Amino acid sequence: MKVILVSLLLFFLFQPRSFSQDCNCAEEFQYVQHKIEKNYAGFRDKVNPKTKIAYQKYSAQVLERAKKISSPAYCVNLINEWIGFFKDGHIEVGRNRLSKEKYDADQDRLIAGLEKQEISAQDIDSLKKSGTAAGIYWSKDSVYKVALIKSENGFRDYAGVVLESKNKAWKPGFVMMELKAQQASLKGIIYDRYYTPESVSLKLGQNAFGDWKREGTASVKTEKILTNDISCKSLSAQTFYIQIGTFNQRNAKSIDSVIQANQVILEKTPNLILDLRNNGGGADFSYRPLLPYLYTNKVKTVGPDILASEDNEEGWRGLLKMNDIPEDQKVFIREKIKDMQLHRDQFISLGADNDLVLDSIKVFPKKIVVLINKGCGSTTEQFLLTAKQSKKIIVMGENSAGVLDYANVRDISFSCMPYALHYATSRSRRVDMGLGIDNVGIKPDYLLTPAQNWVTAAQELLEKK
């Protein structure tokens, strides 16, 4: 199979798989390591007297390995491996969200580095008859069709080449996977919609690897999870349904608008299903409009502390430039920035422990089922900790993600490569109380399986009651 280099305007600046010869993996790793040690709110908990020697030894090993890596994508894969030491889903390498200009520049560099492989009709026919891991596969959501071909280069055994894509970011012929066979799995990189390498380990089956299914393989039909920012409908005279895909600040106004528009229905309908599946979080103020409907009694909230480093202050200052941050939140942020300047490199209170007390309790809805899965994290878990204190709430589904103890994520650009480091700047005081949920999650009251229709199960439970 013939490898074809992508012809792009920036080709002369950025060679495929290396971007820029000025980017040094060892130096980039040391830069990321320094930023984590200085700014990550969980570092002092994770690297303590018991773990310090192991951390130092492991970091030294990673540094030596980094000296042998020239590809930025493979460097990120190594950095991701090192990040795993902290066992915190709020540390990751991702796209640069600091400014549109920086994001656009990074995307240009990443696109220039994409590898392309030509897959002929004869190749496809051969792959369809393959008795090995190589073959034609579809993603779980049917957005991508890829040819998994044998393509060894030391890092990988297989390359996943796009054949069809509903996502305009990925064109046919581009390599979006680099995987190596390890026992009963394929381990390596899958590039996301922003071309950022995500490290994966996917179980290898006869006709599948991870959630990718071989073309022509009958798959078990499962309920389709909605991915809208927000949607709603009446399921019956007894049950109303609201789905919220994100608590990101950009969705706050939409959530408030939908709640207000359906106020009459909400205040006369006995049951509510709140579908939060795959809601990865956002901003706490986004879920404020929901609180009056679930409130039954005083709600205890444990506040977080923020690490007042110089980088963290700069990250928080960036929020003031966002148009979708309410003015009352900006006033709060300005106050915290002043505190951070006065208490450099110390933890300061981001919010006191307090009790939420509302003036009244709404009669309707009487019962609320909240649907959650492992895609529910961060702010969504903070909402769940609040909601579960209500006598109206029933939680159904599976354990949440378990990424809340260290939160309020901010971004720092890599020193050279076109990526950004995302990390947590705050630490919940629940950790000192032994009430942490990281790597465990919040357990539902009723477990549901993939074979079930979760909305139907919730409706049946509510209307039976």
Protein backbone atom coordinates (compact mmCIF):
# COMPACT_ATOMS: atom_id res chain seq x y z
CA MET A 1 0.00 0.00 0.00
CA LYS A 2 1.49 3.26 -1.14
CA VAL A 3 2.04 6.00 1.41
CA ILE A 4 1.12 9.43 0.05
CA LEU A 5 2.25 12.58 1.85
CA VAL A 6 -0.41 15.24 2.29
CA SER A 7 0.16 18.21 -0.01
CA LEU A 8 -0.53 21.31 2.03
CA LEU A 9 0.68 24.87 2.08
CA LEU A 10 2.52 24.37 5.34
CA PHE A 11 4.29 21.18 4.26
CA PHE A 12 7.67 22.86 3.90
CA LEU A 13 7.46 24.01 7.54
CA PHE A 14 6.07 20.91 9.18
CA GLN A 15 7.08 17.46 8.05
CA PRO A 16 4.48 14.69 8.63
CA ARG A 17 4.70 13.01 12.03
CA SER A 18 7.33 15.50 13.26
CA PHE A 19 5.70 18.96 12.78
CA SER A 20 8.79 20.93 13.70
CA GLN A 21 12.33 19.78 14.20
CA ASP A 22 12.65 22.38 16.95
CA CYS A 23 10.25 20.49 19.23
CA ASN A 24 12.17 18.20 21.56
CA CYS A 25 10.17 15.52 23.39
CA ALA A 26 12.45 15.39 26.43
CA GLU A 27 12.25 19.17 26.85
CA GLU A 28 8.48 19.12 26.34
CA PHE A 29 8.08 16.41 28.97
CA GLN A 30 10.15 18.36 31.48
CA TYR A 31 8.08 21.46 30.76
CA VAL A 32 4.81 19.56 31.40
CA GLN A 33 6.27 17.94 34.51
CA HIS A 34 7.24 21.35 35.92
CA LYS A 35 3.78 22.79 35.20
CA ILE A 36 2.06 19.86 36.96
CA GLU A 37 4.35 20.03 39.98
CA LYS A 38 3.83 23.77 40.32
CA ASN A 39 0.13 24.12 39.51
CA TYR A 40 -1.82 20.85 39.85
CA ALA A 41 -4.01 21.04 42.96
CA GLY A 42 -3.64 17.32 43.67
CA PHE A 43 0.13 17.07 43.35
CA ARG A 44 0.85 17.33 47.09
CA ASP A 45 -1.66 14.56 47.78
CA LYS A 46 -0.47 12.26 45.00
CA VAL A 47 3.28 12.78 45.51
CA ASN A 48 3.66 12.37 49.27
CA PRO A 49 6.39 10.87 51.50
CA LYS A 50 5.16 7.37 50.64
CA THR A 51 5.11 7.87 46.87
CA LYS A 52 7.84 10.46 46.28
CA ILE A 53 10.66 8.01 45.51
CA ALA A 54 8.46 5.99 43.13
CA TYR A 55 7.39 9.18 41.39
CA GLN A 56 10.93 10.44 40.96
CA LYS A 57 12.14 7.08 39.65
CA TYR A 58 9.26 6.77 37.20
CA SER A 59 9.69 10.35 35.97
CA ALA A 60 13.41 9.74 35.37
CA GLN A 61 12.57 6.65 33.31
CA VAL A 62 10.04 8.57 31.24
CA LEU A 63 12.58 11.32 30.61
CA GLU A 64 15.08 8.78 29.23
CA ARG A 65 12.41 7.32 26.96
CA ALA A 66 11.44 10.82 25.80
CA LYS A 67 14.99 11.40 24.55
CA LYS A 68 14.43 8.71 21.91
CA ILE A 69 11.13 10.07 20.57
CA SER A 70 10.92 12.50 17.65
CA SER A 71 7.19 12.39 16.84
CA PRO A 72 4.98 14.85 18.81
CA ALA A 73 2.08 12.37 18.75
CA TYR A 74 4.24 9.60 20.21
CA CYS A 75 5.59 12.11 22.72
CA VAL A 76 2.05 12.92 23.83
CA ASN A 77 1.37 9.20 24.18
CA LEU A 78 4.35 8.94 26.54
CA ILE A 79 3.25 12.03 28.48
CA ASN A 80 -0.23 10.51 28.78
CA GLU A 81 1.37 7.40 30.23
CA TRP A 82 3.22 9.54 32.78
CA ILE A 83 0.03 11.45 33.63
CA GLY A 84 -1.51 8.09 34.56
CA PHE A 85 0.61 8.14 37.72
CA PHE A 86 -1.80 10.69 39.19
CA LYS A 87 -4.96 8.70 38.45
CA ASP A 88 -6.93 11.88 37.81
CA GLY A 89 -9.25 12.34 34.85
CA HIS A 90 -8.86 16.09 35.23
CA ILE A 91 -5.30 15.99 33.87
CA GLU A 92 -5.06 15.46 30.14
CA VAL A 93 -3.50 16.65 26.92
CA GLY A 94 -5.99 18.27 24.57
CA ARG A 95 -6.65 21.05 22.12
CA ASN A 96 -5.66 24.60 22.89
CA ARG A 97 -8.70 26.55 24.09
CA LEU A 98 -6.85 29.66 25.25
CA SER A 99 -7.57 31.73 22.14
CA LYS A 100 -8.99 31.31 18.66
CA GLU A 101 -5.72 32.48 17.12
CA LYS A 102 -3.65 29.90 19.03
CA TYR A 103 -6.21 27.19 18.34
CA ASP A 104 -6.24 27.92 14.60
CA ALA A 105 -2.44 27.96 14.44
CA ASP A 106 -2.24 24.65 16.29
CA GLN A 107 -4.84 23.08 14.00
CA ASP A 108 -2.86 24.16 10.95
CA ARG A 109 0.22 22.45 12.34
CA LEU A 110 -1.69 19.29 13.21
CA ILE A 111 -3.35 19.05 9.80
CA ALA A 112 0.04 19.51 8.16
CA GLY A 113 1.32 16.51 10.06
CA LEU A 114 -1.47 14.10 9.15
CA GLU A 115 -0.36 10.87 7.52
CA LYS A 116 -2.25 9.62 4.48
CA GLN A 117 -2.39 6.14 3.02
CA GLU A 118 -3.97 5.05 -0.23
CA ILE A 119 -6.36 2.12 0.08
CA SER A 120 -7.27 0.48 -3.23
CA ALA A 121 -10.44 -1.45 -4.05
CA GLN A 122 -8.30 -4.58 -4.14
CA ASP A 123 -7.00 -3.80 -0.64
CA ILE A 124 -10.56 -3.40 0.63
CA ASP A 125 -11.64 -6.72 -0.88
CA SER A 126 -8.68 -8.38 0.80
CA LEU A 127 -9.43 -6.78 4.16
CA LYS A 128 -13.05 -7.94 4.01
CA LYS A 129 -11.79 -11.53 3.80
CA SER A 130 -9.16 -11.09 6.50
CA GLY A 131 -9.03 -13.64 9.28
CA THR A 132 -6.74 -11.43 11.39
CA ALA A 133 -7.31 -8.18 13.28
CA ALA A 134 -6.90 -6.31 9.98
CA GLY A 135 -10.23 -5.52 8.38
CA ILE A 136 -12.97 -2.97 7.77
CA TYR A 137 -14.55 -1.53 10.93
CA TRP A 138 -17.28 0.91 11.94
CA SER A 139 -17.29 3.11 15.03
CA LYS A 140 -20.04 2.50 17.59
CA ASP A 141 -21.93 5.63 16.50
CA SER A 142 -21.43 4.84 12.78
CA VAL A 143 -19.64 8.15 12.22
CA TYR A 144 -16.42 6.54 10.96
CA LYS A 145 -15.59 3.61 8.71
CA VAL A 146 -11.91 2.65 8.79
CA ALA A 147 -9.58 0.14 7.21
CA LEU A 148 -7.35 -1.37 9.88
CA ILE A 149 -4.23 -2.33 7.93
CA LYS A 150 -0.91 -3.90 8.85
CA SER A 151 1.55 -1.00 9.00
CA GLU A 152 4.56 -1.44 11.26
CA ASN A 153 6.96 1.36 12.16
CA GLY A 154 8.26 0.40 15.61
CA PHE A 155 5.52 2.25 17.47
CA ARG A 156 2.58 0.52 15.81
CA ASP A 157 1.58 -2.74 14.16
CA TYR A 158 -1.61 -1.38 12.59
CA ALA A 159 -2.83 1.89 11.10
CA GLY A 160 -6.51 2.82 10.97
CA VAL A 161 -7.20 4.61 7.69
CA VAL A 162 -10.44 6.56 7.24
CA LEU A 163 -12.66 5.22 4.44
CA GLU A 164 -15.84 7.16 5.27
CA SER A 165 -16.55 9.92 7.79
CA LYS A 166 -19.61 11.95 8.76
CA ASN A 167 -17.22 14.28 10.60
CA LYS A 168 -15.82 16.85 8.15
CA ALA A 169 -12.58 17.04 10.15
CA TRP A 170 -11.55 13.59 8.91
CA LYS A 171 -11.17 12.93 5.20
CA PRO A 172 -10.85 9.50 3.51
CA GLY A 173 -7.25 8.36 3.43
CA PHE A 174 -6.14 10.00 6.66
CA VAL A 175 -4.64 7.79 9.37
CA MET A 176 -6.64 8.27 12.57
CA MET A 177 -5.35 5.23 14.50
CA GLU A 178 -1.92 3.83 15.35
CA LEU A 179 -2.22 0.61 17.31
CA LYS A 180 0.08 -2.15 18.53
CA ALA A 181 -1.01 -5.70 19.34
CA GLN A 182 -0.42 -6.58 22.99
CA GLN A 183 -1.81 -9.90 24.23
CA ALA A 184 -5.60 -9.66 23.73
CA SER A 185 -5.74 -5.94 23.05
CA LEU A 186 -4.69 -3.18 20.69
CA LYS A 187 -2.86 -0.36 22.43
CA GLY A 188 -1.73 2.98 21.09
CA ILE A 189 -3.32 6.15 19.73
CA ILE A 190 -6.64 7.23 18.26
CA TYR A 191 -6.70 10.84 17.08
CA ASP A 192 -9.80 12.79 18.16
CA ARG A 193 -11.85 15.28 16.12
CA TYR A 194 -9.24 17.96 16.87
CA TYR A 195 -6.38 15.66 15.75
CA THR A 196 -5.11 15.30 19.31
CA PRO A 197 -3.72 11.82 20.06
CA GLU A 198 -5.67 9.97 22.75
CA SER A 199 -3.96 6.96 24.33
CA VAL A 200 -6.17 3.87 24.25
CA SER A 201 -6.13 0.20 25.17
CA LEU A 202 -8.89 -1.66 23.33
CA LYS A 203 -9.91 -5.26 23.96
CA LEU A 204 -9.47 -7.33 20.82
CA GLY A 205 -12.32 -9.68 19.88
CA GLN A 206 -13.03 -11.89 16.89
CA ASN A 207 -14.99 -9.17 15.09
CA ALA A 208 -14.26 -6.11 17.16
CA PHE A 209 -11.68 -4.07 19.00
CA GLY A 210 -13.08 -1.92 21.76
CA ASP A 211 -16.35 -0.43 20.48
CA TRP A 212 -15.30 -0.77 16.84
CA LYS A 213 -17.24 -3.51 15.00
CA ARG A 214 -16.11 -5.35 11.88
CA GLU A 215 -18.27 -4.49 8.87
CA GLY A 216 -21.00 -7.03 8.32
CA THR A 217 -21.04 -8.13 11.94
CA ALA A 218 -24.45 -8.18 13.56
CA SER A 219 -24.40 -5.91 16.58
CA VAL A 220 -26.67 -5.90 19.60
CA LYS A 221 -29.17 -3.08 19.33
CA THR A 222 -28.85 -0.65 22.19
CA GLU A 223 -30.71 2.48 23.16
CA LYS A 224 -29.49 5.60 21.39
CA ILE A 225 -28.26 8.17 23.90
CA LEU A 226 -29.16 11.72 22.92
CA THR A 227 -26.26 14.12 22.45
CA ASN A 228 -28.17 17.42 22.28
CA ASP A 229 -27.09 20.28 24.50
CA ILE A 230 -30.65 20.19 25.84
CA SER A 231 -33.99 18.71 24.75
CA CYS A 232 -37.30 17.85 26.38
CA LYS A 233 -40.66 16.17 25.77
CA SER A 234 -43.70 14.77 27.55
CA LEU A 235 -43.56 10.98 27.75
CA SER A 236 -47.04 10.73 29.24
CA ALA A 237 -49.47 12.75 31.34
CA GLN A 238 -47.49 11.59 34.39
CA THR A 239 -43.89 11.95 33.20
CA PHE A 240 -41.86 14.78 31.63
CA TYR A 241 -38.39 14.22 30.18
CA ILE A 242 -35.42 16.62 30.05
CA GLN A 243 -32.05 15.68 28.52
CA ILE A 244 -29.00 17.86 29.19
CA GLY A 245 -25.82 17.00 27.30
CA THR A 246 -23.52 19.53 28.99
CA PHE A 247 -23.34 21.97 31.87
CA ASN A 248 -20.80 24.04 29.94
CA GLN A 249 -21.31 27.76 30.51
CA ARG A 250 -22.32 28.19 26.86
CA ASN A 251 -25.38 26.02 27.61
CA ALA A 252 -26.42 27.84 30.79
CA LYS A 253 -28.84 30.24 29.07
CA SER A 254 -30.43 27.41 27.09
CA ILE A 255 -30.99 25.36 30.24
CA ASP A 256 -32.60 28.34 31.95
CA SER A 257 -34.77 29.08 28.90
CA VAL A 258 -36.04 25.49 28.61
CA ILE A 259 -36.88 25.32 32.32
CA GLN A 260 -38.75 28.64 32.17
CA ALA A 261 -40.59 27.70 28.97
CA ASN A 262 -41.81 24.46 30.57
CA GLN A 263 -42.53 25.85 34.03
CA VAL A 264 -46.27 25.19 33.81
CA ILE A 265 -45.71 21.57 32.75
CA LEU A 266 -43.07 20.96 35.42
CA GLU A 267 -45.34 22.32 38.17
CA LYS A 268 -48.25 20.05 37.32
CA THR A 269 -46.52 16.83 36.21
CA PRO A 270 -45.89 14.22 38.96
CA ASN A 271 -42.70 12.72 37.49
CA LEU A 272 -39.55 14.05 35.87
CA ILE A 273 -36.76 12.14 34.13
CA LEU A 274 -33.52 14.11 34.01
CA ASP A 275 -31.20 12.43 31.51
CA LEU A 276 -27.58 13.48 32.17
CA ARG A 277 -25.83 10.62 30.39
CA ASN A 278 -22.46 11.62 28.92
CA ASN A 279 -22.71 15.07 30.49
CA GLY A 280 -19.04 15.63 31.30
CA GLY A 281 -19.63 18.76 33.39
CA GLY A 282 -19.05 22.46 32.92
CA ALA A 283 -19.96 25.26 35.34
CA ASP A 284 -21.97 24.95 38.55
CA PHE A 285 -24.14 27.97 37.77
CA SER A 286 -25.49 26.16 34.70
CA TYR A 287 -27.63 23.82 36.81
CA ARG A 288 -29.05 26.51 39.12
CA PRO A 289 -32.48 26.54 37.37
CA LEU A 290 -32.97 22.87 38.27
CA LEU A 291 -32.43 23.26 42.01
CA PRO A 292 -35.91 24.60 42.98
CA TYR A 293 -37.56 21.54 41.39
CA LEU A 294 -35.51 18.96 43.28
CA TYR A 295 -35.24 20.79 46.63
CA THR A 296 -36.90 19.16 49.67
CA ASN A 297 -34.61 20.03 52.59
CA LYS A 298 -31.39 21.77 53.57
CA VAL A 299 -28.53 20.76 51.26
CA LYS A 300 -25.00 20.57 52.64
CA THR A 301 -22.19 21.62 50.32
CA VAL A 302 -18.48 21.11 50.97
CA GLY A 303 -16.36 23.80 49.33
CA PRO A 304 -13.05 23.57 47.47
CA ASP A 305 -9.71 25.34 47.86
CA ILE A 306 -7.71 26.72 44.96
CA LEU A 307 -3.94 26.58 44.56
CA ALA A 308 -2.83 30.19 44.14
CA SER A 309 0.06 29.74 41.71
CA GLU A 310 0.94 32.35 39.13
CA ASP A 311 -0.15 30.11 36.23
CA ASN A 312 -3.43 29.31 37.96
CA GLU A 313 -4.13 32.98 38.50
CA GLU A 314 -3.55 33.59 34.79
CA GLY A 315 -5.89 30.71 33.94
CA TRP A 316 -8.65 32.15 36.10
CA ARG A 317 -8.05 35.59 34.67
CA GLY A 318 -8.82 34.17 31.25
CA LEU A 319 -12.40 33.47 32.35
CA LEU A 320 -13.03 37.20 32.55
CA LYS A 321 -12.70 37.40 28.76
CA MET A 322 -15.52 34.91 28.16
CA ASN A 323 -18.87 36.40 27.14
CA ASP A 324 -20.91 33.49 28.48
CA ILE A 325 -19.71 33.92 32.09
CA PRO A 326 -22.41 35.79 34.11
CA GLU A 327 -21.35 39.11 35.59
CA ASP A 328 -21.91 37.94 39.18
CA GLN A 329 -19.45 35.12 38.50
CA LYS A 330 -16.92 37.57 37.10
CA VAL A 331 -17.18 39.66 40.28
CA PHE A 332 -16.45 36.50 42.27
CA ILE A 333 -13.50 35.61 40.02
CA ARG A 334 -11.97 39.08 40.42
CA GLU A 335 -12.15 38.72 44.20
CA LYS A 336 -10.42 35.33 44.07
CA ILE A 337 -7.69 36.68 41.81
CA LYS A 338 -6.90 39.33 44.43
CA ASP A 339 -6.74 36.60 47.12
CA MET A 340 -4.43 34.52 44.92
CA GLN A 341 -2.03 37.43 44.55
CA LEU A 342 -1.89 37.84 48.33
CA HIS A 343 -1.34 34.13 49.05
CA ARG A 344 0.98 32.98 46.28
CA ASP A 345 1.46 29.18 46.02
CA GLN A 346 -0.88 28.55 48.94
CA PHE A 347 -4.36 27.06 48.98
CA ILE A 348 -7.12 29.62 49.44
CA SER A 349 -10.84 29.03 49.85
CA LEU A 350 -12.80 29.01 46.61
CA GLY A 351 -16.05 28.63 48.53
CA ALA A 352 -17.04 28.07 52.14
CA ASP A 353 -18.84 24.96 53.33
CA ASN A 354 -22.47 26.03 53.43
CA ASP A 355 -26.08 24.95 53.58
CA LEU A 356 -28.42 25.64 50.68
CA VAL A 357 -31.82 26.66 52.05
CA LEU A 358 -34.68 27.70 49.76
CA ASP A 359 -37.85 29.51 50.81
CA SER A 360 -40.27 26.84 49.59
CA ILE A 361 -40.65 23.28 48.37
CA LYS A 362 -42.40 22.69 45.06
CA VAL A 363 -45.18 20.11 45.15
CA PHE A 364 -44.36 18.97 41.60
CA PRO A 365 -42.55 17.06 40.39
CA LYS A 366 -42.99 14.58 43.21
CA LYS A 367 -40.37 12.12 41.98
CA ILE A 368 -37.32 12.72 39.80
CA VAL A 369 -35.18 10.03 38.20
CA VAL A 370 -31.69 11.13 37.22
CA LEU A 371 -30.06 8.94 34.58
CA ILE A 372 -26.26 8.74 34.81
CA ASN A 373 -23.44 6.75 33.25
CA LYS A 374 -19.65 6.68 33.28
CA GLY A 375 -19.64 9.73 31.02
CA CYS A 376 -20.97 11.90 33.86
CA GLY A 377 -18.12 13.76 35.53
CA SER A 378 -16.93 16.92 37.21
CA THR A 379 -19.72 19.52 37.58
CA THR A 380 -22.31 16.85 36.81
CA GLU A 381 -21.05 14.89 39.81
CA GLN A 382 -21.24 18.04 41.93
CA PHE A 383 -24.87 18.32 40.84
CA LEU A 384 -25.42 14.67 41.80
CA LEU A 385 -23.98 15.21 45.29
CA THR A 386 -26.51 18.01 45.71
CA ALA A 387 -29.42 16.16 44.11
CA LYS A 388 -28.95 12.96 46.12
CA GLN A 389 -29.73 14.90 49.32
CA SER A 390 -33.28 15.47 48.04
CA LYS A 391 -36.10 13.11 49.01
CA LYS A 392 -37.45 13.37 45.46
CA ILE A 393 -34.39 11.97 43.74
CA ILE A 394 -33.82 8.45 42.41
CA VAL A 395 -30.54 7.88 40.55
CA MET A 396 -30.47 5.15 37.89
CA GLY A 397 -27.80 3.86 35.51
CA GLU A 398 -24.15 3.13 36.28
CA ASN A 399 -21.40 4.69 38.37
CA SER A 400 -20.37 8.17 37.31
CA ALA A 401 -16.84 8.95 36.07
CA GLY A 402 -15.27 9.81 39.43
CA VAL A 403 -13.46 13.04 38.47
CA LEU A 404 -14.45 15.73 40.96
CA ASP A 405 -12.09 15.82 43.94
CA TYR A 406 -9.64 17.96 41.98
CA ALA A 407 -11.49 20.28 39.63
CA ASN A 408 -11.81 23.75 38.07
CA VAL A 409 -9.70 22.79 35.07
CA ARG A 410 -7.50 25.37 33.36
CA ASP A 411 -5.24 25.17 30.29
CA ILE A 412 -1.57 25.84 29.63
CA SER A 413 -0.06 25.69 26.14
CA PHE A 414 2.78 23.25 25.52
CA SER A 415 6.12 25.01 25.13
CA CYS A 416 6.51 23.95 21.49
CA MET A 417 4.11 21.25 20.31
CA PRO A 418 0.56 22.21 19.16
CA TYR A 419 -1.27 20.93 22.23
CA ALA A 420 -2.41 22.18 25.62
CA LEU A 421 -2.16 20.71 29.11
CA HIS A 422 -5.50 20.62 30.94
CA TYR A 423 -5.24 20.24 34.72
CA ALA A 424 -7.17 20.83 37.96
CA THR A 425 -6.56 23.99 39.97
CA SER A 426 -8.84 23.27 42.95
CA ARG A 427 -9.09 20.62 45.67
CA SER A 428 -12.30 19.66 47.46
CA ARG A 429 -12.24 19.60 51.24
CA ARG A 430 -14.18 16.33 50.95
CA VAL A 431 -10.78 14.68 50.43
CA ASP A 432 -9.75 15.47 54.03
CA MET A 433 -13.11 14.12 55.24
CA GLY A 434 -12.54 10.78 53.53
CA LEU A 435 -15.43 11.50 51.16
CA GLY A 436 -13.51 11.60 47.89
CA ILE A 437 -15.10 10.04 44.80
CA ASP A 438 -12.24 10.07 42.29
CA ASN A 439 -11.75 6.77 40.42
CA VAL A 440 -14.90 5.41 42.09
CA GLY A 441 -17.73 7.68 41.06
CA ILE A 442 -21.23 8.11 42.43
CA LYS A 443 -23.22 4.90 42.65
CA PRO A 444 -26.81 4.86 41.33
CA ASP A 445 -29.73 3.65 43.44
CA TYR A 446 -30.71 1.29 40.61
CA LEU A 447 -28.18 -0.26 38.24
CA LEU A 448 -29.14 -0.52 34.56
CA THR A 449 -27.52 -2.61 31.82
CA PRO A 450 -26.72 -1.68 28.18
CA ALA A 451 -29.39 -4.13 27.04
CA GLN A 452 -32.12 -2.05 28.72
CA ASN A 453 -33.83 1.06 27.43
CA TRP A 454 -32.96 3.39 30.31
CA VAL A 455 -35.65 5.99 29.65
CA THR A 456 -38.32 3.28 29.51
CA ALA A 457 -36.98 1.70 32.71
CA ALA A 458 -37.08 5.08 34.47
CA GLN A 459 -40.61 5.81 33.28
CA GLU A 460 -41.85 2.38 34.36
CA LEU A 461 -40.29 2.80 37.81
CA LEU A 462 -41.79 6.26 38.29
CA GLU A 463 -45.27 5.42 37.05
CA LYS A 464 -45.35 2.18 39.01
CA LYS A 465 -44.54 4.13 42.17
